[in-house]
Amino acid sequence: MKEFKYVIRDEVGIHARPAGLLVKEAQRFSSAVQIHRGDRTADGKKLFALMALGVKCGDEVTVQCQGEDEDEAARALQVFFRDKL
C-alpha cells in the first residue's frame, strides 16, 4: 500500500468540479483509492462519497492506494493534488 498526506490549498476545498476530475484520475487505475479526512473515509472512485467528506481549504487528507498499480496511482494522484487542489 502506498500512502501520502496532502493539505488542501484550493480556497473552496474539494468541490464538485475538482472532485469529478479526481474521480476520473483515480478510475484510470485498477488499485483501490481511499481518501481519509479525520475519522471519515471515502472511495476515491466515487464522486458522492468523496463530496460527502466535506473537505475544506486547510484540511489535511490522507490518500491510500492499494493494488497492482499502486506506485503509479500514488504518483499520479500526488501530481493531481499538487496541481489542482
PDB file of N, CA and C in Angstrom:
ATOM      1  N   MET A   1       0.843  -1.172   0.000  1.00  0.00           N
ATOM      2  CA  MET A   1       0.000   0.000   0.000  1.00  0.00           C
ATOM      3  C   MET A   1       0.895   1.244   0.000  1.00  0.00           C
ATOM      4  N   LYS A   2       0.520   2.198  -0.820  1.00  0.00           N
ATOM      5  CA  LYS A   2       1.206   3.486  -0.889  1.00  0.00           C
ATOM      6  C   LYS A   2       0.286   4.536  -0.289  1.00  0.00           C
ATOM      7  N   GLU A   3       0.877   5.484   0.419  1.00  0.00           N
ATOM      8  CA  GLU A   3       0.089   6.486   1.115  1.00  0.00           C
ATOM      9  C   GLU A   3       0.825   7.819   1.088  1.00  0.00           C
ATOM     10  N   PHE A   4       0.051   8.899   0.992  1.00  0.00           N
ATOM     11  CA  PHE A   4       0.628  10.232   1.150  1.00  0.00           C
ATOM     12  C   PHE A   4      -0.407  11.151   1.774  1.00  0.00           C
ATOM     13  N   LYS A   5       0.100  12.206   2.389  1.00  0.00           N
ATOM     14  CA  LYS A   5      -0.768  13.210   3.013  1.00  0.00           C
ATOM     15  C   LYS A   5      -0.664  14.492   2.201  1.00  0.00           C
ATOM     16  N   TYR A   6      -1.759  15.251   2.201  1.00  0.00           N
ATOM     17  CA  TYR A   6      -1.771  16.499   1.458  1.00  0.00           C
ATOM     18  C   TYR A   6      -2.704  17.490   2.158  1.00  0.00           C
ATOM     19  N   VAL A   7      -2.265  18.744   2.272  1.00  0.00           N
ATOM     20  CA  VAL A   7      -3.107  19.807   2.828  1.00  0.00           C
ATOM     21  C   VAL A   7      -3.741  20.544   1.653  1.00  0.00           C
ATOM     22  N   ILE A   8      -5.052  20.599   1.624  1.00  0.00           N
ATOM     23  CA  ILE A   8      -5.806  21.202   0.523  1.00  0.00           C
ATOM     24  C   ILE A   8      -5.562  22.711   0.492  1.00  0.00           C
ATOM     25  N   ARG A   9      -5.146  23.222  -0.654  1.00  0.00           N
ATOM     26  CA  ARG A   9      -4.863  24.650  -0.826  1.00  0.00           C
ATOM     27  C   ARG A   9      -5.956  25.375  -1.598  1.00  0.00           C
ATOM     28  N   ASP A  10      -6.781  24.651  -2.330  1.00  0.00           N
ATOM     29  CA  ASP A  10      -7.871  25.278  -3.083  1.00  0.00           C
ATOM     30  C   ASP A  10      -8.804  25.980  -2.093  1.00  0.00           C
ATOM     31  N   GLU A  11      -9.101  27.251  -2.337  1.00  0.00           N
ATOM     32  CA  GLU A  11      -9.851  28.038  -1.358  1.00  0.00           C
ATOM     33  C   GLU A  11     -11.266  27.541  -1.090  1.00  0.00           C
ATOM     34  N   VAL A  12     -11.837  26.739  -1.979  1.00  0.00           N
ATOM     35  CA  VAL A  12     -13.168  26.182  -1.717  1.00  0.00           C
ATOM     36  C   VAL A  12     -13.126  24.678  -1.428  1.00  0.00           C
ATOM     37  N   GLY A  13     -11.945  24.130  -1.267  1.00  0.00           N
ATOM     38  CA  GLY A  13     -11.796  22.719  -0.909  1.00  0.00           C
ATOM     39  C   GLY A  13     -12.055  21.798  -2.093  1.00  0.00           C
ATOM     40  N   ILE A  14     -12.443  20.569  -1.789  1.00  0.00           N
ATOM     41  CA  ILE A  14     -12.756  19.607  -2.846  1.00  0.00           C
ATOM     42  C   ILE A  14     -14.238  19.755  -3.170  1.00  0.00           C
ATOM     43  N   HIS A  15     -14.528  20.631  -4.121  1.00  0.00           N
ATOM     44  CA  HIS A  15     -15.906  20.864  -4.539  1.00  0.00           C
ATOM     45  C   HIS A  15     -16.172  20.058  -5.812  1.00  0.00           C
ATOM     46  N   ALA A  16     -17.332  20.237  -6.414  1.00  0.00           N
ATOM     47  CA  ALA A  16     -17.809  19.352  -7.478  1.00  0.00           C
ATOM     48  C   ALA A  16     -16.846  19.184  -8.657  1.00  0.00           C
ATOM     49  N   ARG A  17     -16.356  20.273  -9.215  1.00  0.00           N
ATOM     50  CA  ARG A  17     -15.515  20.160 -10.420  1.00  0.00           C
ATOM     51  C   ARG A  17     -14.217  19.396 -10.151  1.00  0.00           C
ATOM     52  N   PRO A  18     -13.402  19.808  -9.158  1.00  0.00           N
ATOM     53  CA  PRO A  18     -12.183  19.050  -8.925  1.00  0.00           C
ATOM     54  C   PRO A  18     -12.444  17.633  -8.403  1.00  0.00           C
ATOM     55  N   ALA A  19     -13.544  17.445  -7.682  1.00  0.00           N
ATOM     56  CA  ALA A  19     -13.875  16.096  -7.210  1.00  0.00           C
ATOM     57  C   ALA A  19     -14.139  15.179  -8.401  1.00  0.00           C
ATOM     58  N   GLY A  20     -14.864  15.686  -9.391  1.00  0.00           N
ATOM     59  CA  GLY A  20     -15.119  14.898 -10.596  1.00  0.00           C
ATOM     60  C   GLY A  20     -13.830  14.548 -11.332  1.00  0.00           C
ATOM     61  N   LEU A  21     -12.926  15.519 -11.416  1.00  0.00           N
ATOM     62  CA  LEU A  21     -11.633  15.264 -12.069  1.00  0.00           C
ATOM     63  C   LEU A  21     -10.804  14.263 -11.272  1.00  0.00           C
ATOM     64  N   LEU A  22     -10.864  14.360  -9.940  1.00  0.00           N
ATOM     65  CA  LEU A  22     -10.132  13.426  -9.084  1.00  0.00           C
ATOM     66  C   LEU A  22     -10.650  12.006  -9.266  1.00  0.00           C
ATOM     67  N   VAL A  23     -11.958  11.853  -9.322  1.00  0.00           N
ATOM     68  CA  VAL A  23     -12.564  10.533  -9.529  1.00  0.00           C
ATOM     69  C   VAL A  23     -12.111   9.959 -10.875  1.00  0.00           C
ATOM     70  N   LYS A  24     -12.127  10.780 -11.927  1.00  0.00           N
ATOM     71  CA  LYS A  24     -11.673  10.302 -13.239  1.00  0.00           C
ATOM     72  C   LYS A  24     -10.220   9.861 -13.202  1.00  0.00           C
ATOM     73  N   GLU A  25      -9.388  10.619 -12.501  1.00  0.00           N
ATOM     74  CA  GLU A  25      -7.972  10.262 -12.388  1.00  0.00           C
ATOM     75  C   GLU A  25      -7.819   8.948 -11.635  1.00  0.00           C
ATOM     76  N   ALA A  26      -8.529   8.786 -10.524  1.00  0.00           N
ATOM     77  CA  ALA A  26      -8.434   7.561  -9.724  1.00  0.00           C
ATOM     78  C   ALA A  26      -8.935   6.348 -10.501  1.00  0.00           C
ATOM     79  N   GLN A  27      -9.960   6.536 -11.344  1.00  0.00           N
ATOM     80  CA  GLN A  27     -10.532   5.427 -12.098  1.00  0.00           C
ATOM     81  C   GLN A  27      -9.610   4.913 -13.204  1.00  0.00           C
ATOM     82  N   ARG A  28      -8.573   5.643 -13.514  1.00  0.00           N
ATOM     83  CA  ARG A  28      -7.613   5.170 -14.522  1.00  0.00           C
ATOM     84  C   ARG A  28      -6.807   3.968 -14.023  1.00  0.00           C
ATOM     85  N   PHE A  29      -6.836   3.725 -12.735  1.00  0.00           N
ATOM     86  CA  PHE A  29      -6.002   2.684 -12.138  1.00  0.00           C
ATOM     87  C   PHE A  29      -6.855   1.553 -11.577  1.00  0.00           C
ATOM     88  N   SER A  30      -6.288   0.366 -11.570  1.00  0.00           N
ATOM     89  CA  SER A  30      -7.011  -0.778 -11.014  1.00  0.00           C
ATOM     90  C   SER A  30      -6.924  -0.808  -9.490  1.00  0.00           C
ATOM     91  N   SER A  31      -5.947  -0.131  -8.920  1.00  0.00           N
ATOM     92  CA  SER A  31      -5.782  -0.100  -7.463  1.00  0.00           C
ATOM     93  C   SER A  31      -6.960   0.590  -6.786  1.00  0.00           C
ATOM     94  N   ALA A  32      -7.251   0.151  -5.577  1.00  0.00           N
ATOM     95  CA  ALA A  32      -8.251   0.828  -4.746  1.00  0.00           C
ATOM     96  C   ALA A  32      -7.655   2.144  -4.274  1.00  0.00           C
ATOM     97  N   VAL A  33      -8.476   3.190  -4.255  1.00  0.00           N
ATOM     98  CA  VAL A  33      -8.034   4.507  -3.803  1.00  0.00           C
ATOM     99  C   VAL A  33      -8.978   4.953  -2.691  1.00  0.00           C
ATOM    100  N   GLN A  34      -8.407   5.210  -1.519  1.00  0.00           N
ATOM    101  CA  GLN A  34      -9.180   5.666  -0.372  1.00  0.00           C
ATOM    102  C   GLN A  34      -8.687   7.054   0.025  1.00  0.00           C
ATOM    103  N   ILE A  35      -9.634   7.954   0.325  1.00  0.00           N
ATOM    104  CA  ILE A  35      -9.314   9.303   0.779  1.00  0.00           C
ATOM    105  C   ILE A  35      -9.811   9.412   2.219  1.00  0.00           C
ATOM    106  N   HIS A  36      -8.925   9.803   3.136  1.00  0.00           N
ATOM    107  CA  HIS A  36      -9.276   9.919   4.550  1.00  0.00           C
ATOM    108  C   HIS A  36      -9.198  11.385   4.973  1.00  0.00           C
ATOM    109  N   ARG A  37     -10.201  11.827   5.689  1.00  0.00           N
ATOM    110  CA  ARG A  37     -10.197  13.154   6.328  1.00  0.00           C
ATOM    111  C   ARG A  37     -10.668  12.939   7.755  1.00  0.00           C
ATOM    112  N   GLY A  38      -9.772  13.141   8.690  1.00  0.00           N
ATOM    113  CA  GLY A  38     -10.122  12.871  10.089  1.00  0.00           C
ATOM    114  C   GLY A  38     -10.485  11.412  10.259  1.00  0.00           C
ATOM    115  N   ASP A  39     -11.649  11.163  10.830  1.00  0.00           N
ATOM    116  CA  ASP A  39     -12.081   9.776  11.054  1.00  0.00           C
ATOM    117  C   ASP A  39     -13.009   9.264   9.957  1.00  0.00           C
ATOM    118  N   ARG A  40     -13.134  10.031   8.871  1.00  0.00           N
ATOM    119  CA  ARG A  40     -14.016   9.639   7.760  1.00  0.00           C
ATOM    120  C   ARG A  40     -13.193   9.190   6.567  1.00  0.00           C
ATOM    121  N   THR A  41     -13.739   8.234   5.824  1.00  0.00           N
ATOM    122  CA  THR A  41     -13.058   7.671   4.664  1.00  0.00           C
ATOM    123  C   THR A  41     -14.023   7.587   3.498  1.00  0.00           C
ATOM    124  N   ALA A  42     -13.488   7.836   2.288  1.00  0.00           N
ATOM    125  CA  ALA A  42     -14.312   7.729   1.082  1.00  0.00           C
ATOM    126  C   ALA A  42     -13.543   6.977   0.002  1.00  0.00           C
ATOM    127  N   ASP A  43     -14.288   6.287  -0.827  1.00  0.00           N
ATOM    128  CA  ASP A  43     -13.728   5.643  -2.011  1.00  0.00           C
ATOM    129  C   ASP A  43     -13.405   6.754  -3.003  1.00  0.00           C
ATOM    130  N   GLY A  44     -12.141   6.860  -3.394  1.00  0.00           N
ATOM    131  CA  GLY A  44     -11.705   7.912  -4.302  1.00  0.00           C
ATOM    132  C   GLY A  44     -12.235   7.765  -5.715  1.00  0.00           C
ATOM    133  N   LYS A  45     -12.945   6.675  -5.986  1.00  0.00           N
ATOM    134  CA  LYS A  45     -13.505   6.453  -7.314  1.00  0.00           C
ATOM    135  C   LYS A  45     -15.009   6.719  -7.357  1.00  0.00           C
ATOM    136  N   LYS A  46     -15.558   7.240  -6.250  1.00  0.00           N
ATOM    137  CA  LYS A  46     -17.000   7.510  -6.170  1.00  0.00           C
ATOM    138  C   LYS A  46     -17.218   8.981  -5.810  1.00  0.00           C
ATOM    139  N   LEU A  47     -17.814   9.709  -6.744  1.00  0.00           N
ATOM    140  CA  LEU A  47     -17.977  11.153  -6.608  1.00  0.00           C
ATOM    141  C   LEU A  47     -18.743  11.548  -5.346  1.00  0.00           C
ATOM    142  N   PHE A  48     -19.907  10.955  -5.108  1.00  0.00           N
ATOM    143  CA  PHE A  48     -20.721  11.369  -3.974  1.00  0.00           C
ATOM    144  C   PHE A  48     -20.059  11.037  -2.642  1.00  0.00           C
ATOM    145  N   ALA A  49     -19.353   9.925  -2.577  1.00  0.00           N
ATOM    146  CA  ALA A  49     -18.631   9.573  -1.346  1.00  0.00           C
ATOM    147  C   ALA A  49     -17.542  10.601  -1.070  1.00  0.00           C
ATOM    148  N   LEU A  50     -16.851  11.005  -2.117  1.00  0.00           N
ATOM    149  CA  LEU A  50     -15.784  11.995  -1.982  1.00  0.00           C
ATOM    150  C   LEU A  50     -16.348  13.347  -1.551  1.00  0.00           C
ATOM    151  N   MET A  51     -17.438  13.765  -2.169  1.00  0.00           N
ATOM    152  CA  MET A  51     -18.066  15.040  -1.823  1.00  0.00           C
ATOM    153  C   MET A  51     -18.585  15.026  -0.373  1.00  0.00           C
ATOM    154  N   ALA A  52     -19.046  13.869   0.089  1.00  0.00           N
ATOM    155  CA  ALA A  52     -19.594  13.755   1.441  1.00  0.00           C
ATOM    156  C   ALA A  52     -18.539  13.976   2.525  1.00  0.00           C
ATOM    157  N   LEU A  53     -17.262  13.866   2.186  1.00  0.00           N
ATOM    158  CA  LEU A  53     -16.212  14.131   3.170  1.00  0.00           C
ATOM    159  C   LEU A  53     -16.193  15.594   3.590  1.00  0.00           C
ATOM    160  N   GLY A  54     -16.670  16.489   2.726  1.00  0.00           N
ATOM    161  CA  GLY A  54     -16.712  17.906   3.062  1.00  0.00           C
ATOM    162  C   GLY A  54     -15.343  18.522   3.270  1.00  0.00           C
ATOM    163  N   VAL A  55     -14.391  18.182   2.429  1.00  0.00           N
ATOM    164  CA  VAL A  55     -13.016  18.668   2.571  1.00  0.00           C
ATOM    165  C   VAL A  55     -12.946  20.158   2.228  1.00  0.00           C
ATOM    166  N   LYS A  56     -12.394  20.929   3.151  1.00  0.00           N
ATOM    167  CA  LYS A  56     -12.277  22.381   3.004  1.00  0.00           C
ATOM    168  C   LYS A  56     -10.806  22.783   2.865  1.00  0.00           C
ATOM    169  N   CYS A  57     -10.594  24.027   2.478  1.00  0.00           N
ATOM    170  CA  CYS A  57      -9.243  24.570   2.381  1.00  0.00           C
ATOM    171  C   CYS A  57      -8.562  24.462   3.748  1.00  0.00           C
ATOM    172  N   GLY A  58      -7.332  23.976   3.761  1.00  0.00           N
ATOM    173  CA  GLY A  58      -6.575  23.820   5.002  1.00  0.00           C
ATOM    174  C   GLY A  58      -6.707  22.450   5.633  1.00  0.00           C
ATOM    175  N   ASP A  59      -7.668  21.645   5.183  1.00  0.00           N
ATOM    176  CA  ASP A  59      -7.819  20.284   5.710  1.00  0.00           C
ATOM    177  C   ASP A  59      -6.705  19.392   5.182  1.00  0.00           C
ATOM    178  N   GLU A  60      -6.241  18.501   6.043  1.00  0.00           N
ATOM    179  CA  GLU A  60      -5.266  17.510   5.603  1.00  0.00           C
ATOM    180  C   GLU A  60      -6.001  16.216   5.270  1.00  0.00           C
ATOM    181  N   VAL A  61      -5.695  15.670   4.104  1.00  0.00           N
ATOM    182  CA  VAL A  61      -6.257  14.385   3.706  1.00  0.00           C
ATOM    183  C   VAL A  61      -5.125  13.380   3.562  1.00  0.00           C
ATOM    184  N   THR A  62      -5.458  12.129   3.746  1.00  0.00           N
ATOM    185  CA  THR A  62      -4.522  11.040   3.512  1.00  0.00           C
ATOM    186  C   THR A  62      -5.076  10.224   2.358  1.00  0.00           C
ATOM    187  N   VAL A  63      -4.234   9.970   1.373  1.00  0.00           N
ATOM    188  CA  VAL A  63      -4.633   9.205   0.193  1.00  0.00           C
ATOM    189  C   VAL A  63      -3.902   7.872   0.249  1.00  0.00           C
ATOM    190  N   GLN A  64      -4.647   6.784   0.146  1.00  0.00           N
ATOM    191  CA  GLN A  64      -4.073   5.446   0.144  1.00  0.00           C
ATOM    192  C   GLN A  64      -4.412   4.751  -1.164  1.00  0.00           C
ATOM    193  N   CYS A  65      -3.402   4.148  -1.769  1.00  0.00           N
ATOM    194  CA  CYS A  65      -3.576   3.374  -2.999  1.00  0.00           C
ATOM    195  C   CYS A  65      -3.100   1.960  -2.717  1.00  0.00           C
ATOM    196  N   GLN A  66      -3.924   0.990  -3.064  1.00  0.00           N
ATOM    197  CA  GLN A  66      -3.555  -0.399  -2.822  1.00  0.00           C
ATOM    198  C   GLN A  66      -3.980  -1.258  -4.000  1.00  0.00           C
ATOM    199  N   GLY A  67      -3.011  -1.943  -4.584  1.00  0.00           N
ATOM    200  CA  GLY A  67      -3.293  -2.824  -5.710  1.00  0.00           C
ATOM    201  C   GLY A  67      -2.071  -2.991  -6.581  1.00  0.00           C
ATOM    202  N   GLU A  68      -2.280  -3.597  -7.731  1.00  0.00           N
ATOM    203  CA  GLU A  68      -1.152  -3.951  -8.593  1.00  0.00           C
ATOM    204  C   GLU A  68      -0.440  -2.739  -9.191  1.00  0.00           C
ATOM    205  N   ASP A  69      -1.139  -1.628  -9.378  1.00  0.00           N
ATOM    206  CA  ASP A  69      -0.502  -0.431  -9.936  1.00  0.00           C
ATOM    207  C   ASP A  69      -0.463   0.720  -8.919  1.00  0.00           C
ATOM    208  N   GLU A  70      -0.329   0.364  -7.635  1.00  0.00           N
ATOM    209  CA  GLU A  70      -0.382   1.365  -6.562  1.00  0.00           C
ATOM    210  C   GLU A  70       0.722   2.419  -6.657  1.00  0.00           C
ATOM    211  N   ASP A  71       1.916   2.036  -7.097  1.00  0.00           N
ATOM    212  CA  ASP A  71       3.000   3.011  -7.215  1.00  0.00           C
ATOM    213  C   ASP A  71       2.653   4.085  -8.242  1.00  0.00           C
ATOM    214  N   GLU A  72       2.208   3.654  -9.394  1.00  0.00           N
ATOM    215  CA  GLU A  72       1.839   4.587 -10.461  1.00  0.00           C
ATOM    216  C   GLU A  72       0.640   5.441 -10.047  1.00  0.00           C
ATOM    217  N   ALA A  73      -0.342   4.821  -9.407  1.00  0.00           N
ATOM    218  CA  ALA A  73      -1.533   5.553  -8.967  1.00  0.00           C
ATOM    219  C   ALA A  73      -1.160   6.622  -7.944  1.00  0.00           C
ATOM    220  N   ALA A  74      -0.343   6.271  -6.974  1.00  0.00           N
ATOM    221  CA  ALA A  74       0.056   7.231  -5.940  1.00  0.00           C
ATOM    222  C   ALA A  74       0.815   8.402  -6.549  1.00  0.00           C
ATOM    223  N   ARG A  75       1.732   8.114  -7.470  1.00  0.00           N
ATOM    224  CA  ARG A  75       2.487   9.199  -8.131  1.00  0.00           C
ATOM    225  C   ARG A  75       1.555  10.128  -8.902  1.00  0.00           C
ATOM    226  N   ALA A  76       0.656   9.556  -9.679  1.00  0.00           N
ATOM    227  CA  ALA A  76      -0.263  10.363 -10.490  1.00  0.00           C
ATOM    228  C   ALA A  76      -1.197  11.194  -9.606  1.00  0.00           C
ATOM    229  N   LEU A  77      -1.673  10.614  -8.521  1.00  0.00           N
ATOM    230  CA  LEU A  77      -2.580  11.342  -7.644  1.00  0.00           C
ATOM    231  C   LEU A  77      -1.851  12.444  -6.866  1.00  0.00           C
ATOM    232  N   GLN A  78      -0.594  12.208  -6.510  1.00  0.00           N
ATOM    233  CA  GLN A  78       0.182  13.271  -5.867  1.00  0.00           C
ATOM    234  C   GLN A  78       0.318  14.467  -6.801  1.00  0.00           C
ATOM    235  N   VAL A  79       0.592  14.203  -8.057  1.00  0.00           N
ATOM    236  CA  VAL A  79       0.701  15.283  -9.046  1.00  0.00           C
ATOM    237  C   VAL A  79      -0.650  15.981  -9.187  1.00  0.00           C
ATOM    238  N   PHE A  80      -1.733  15.211  -9.249  1.00  0.00           N
ATOM    239  CA  PHE A  80      -3.066  15.798  -9.372  1.00  0.00           C
ATOM    240  C   PHE A  80      -3.353  16.730  -8.188  1.00  0.00           C
ATOM    241  N   PHE A  81      -3.128  16.250  -6.968  1.00  0.00           N
ATOM    242  CA  PHE A  81      -3.399  17.066  -5.789  1.00  0.00           C
ATOM    243  C   PHE A  81      -2.554  18.340  -5.812  1.00  0.00           C
ATOM    244  N   ARG A  82      -1.287  18.203  -6.140  1.00  0.00           N
ATOM    245  CA  ARG A  82      -0.392  19.373  -6.158  1.00  0.00           C
ATOM    246  C   ARG A  82      -0.848  20.395  -7.213  1.00  0.00           C
ATOM    247  N   ASP A  83      -1.236  19.929  -8.378  1.00  0.00           N
ATOM    248  CA  ASP A  83      -1.586  20.834  -9.480  1.00  0.00           C
ATOM    249  C   ASP A  83      -3.011  21.377  -9.416  1.00  0.00           C
ATOM    250  N   LYS A  84      -3.942  20.624  -8.844  1.00  0.00           N
ATOM    251  CA  LYS A  84      -5.354  21.003  -8.909  1.00  0.00           C
ATOM    252  C   LYS A  84      -5.983  21.375  -7.565  1.00  0.00           C
ATOM    253  N   LEU A  85      -5.394  20.918  -6.463  1.00  0.00           N
ATOM    254  CA  LEU A  85      -6.021  21.152  -5.157  1.00  0.00           C
ATOM    255  C   LEU A  85      -5.063  21.826  -4.194  1.00  0.00           C
TER     256      LEU A  85
END
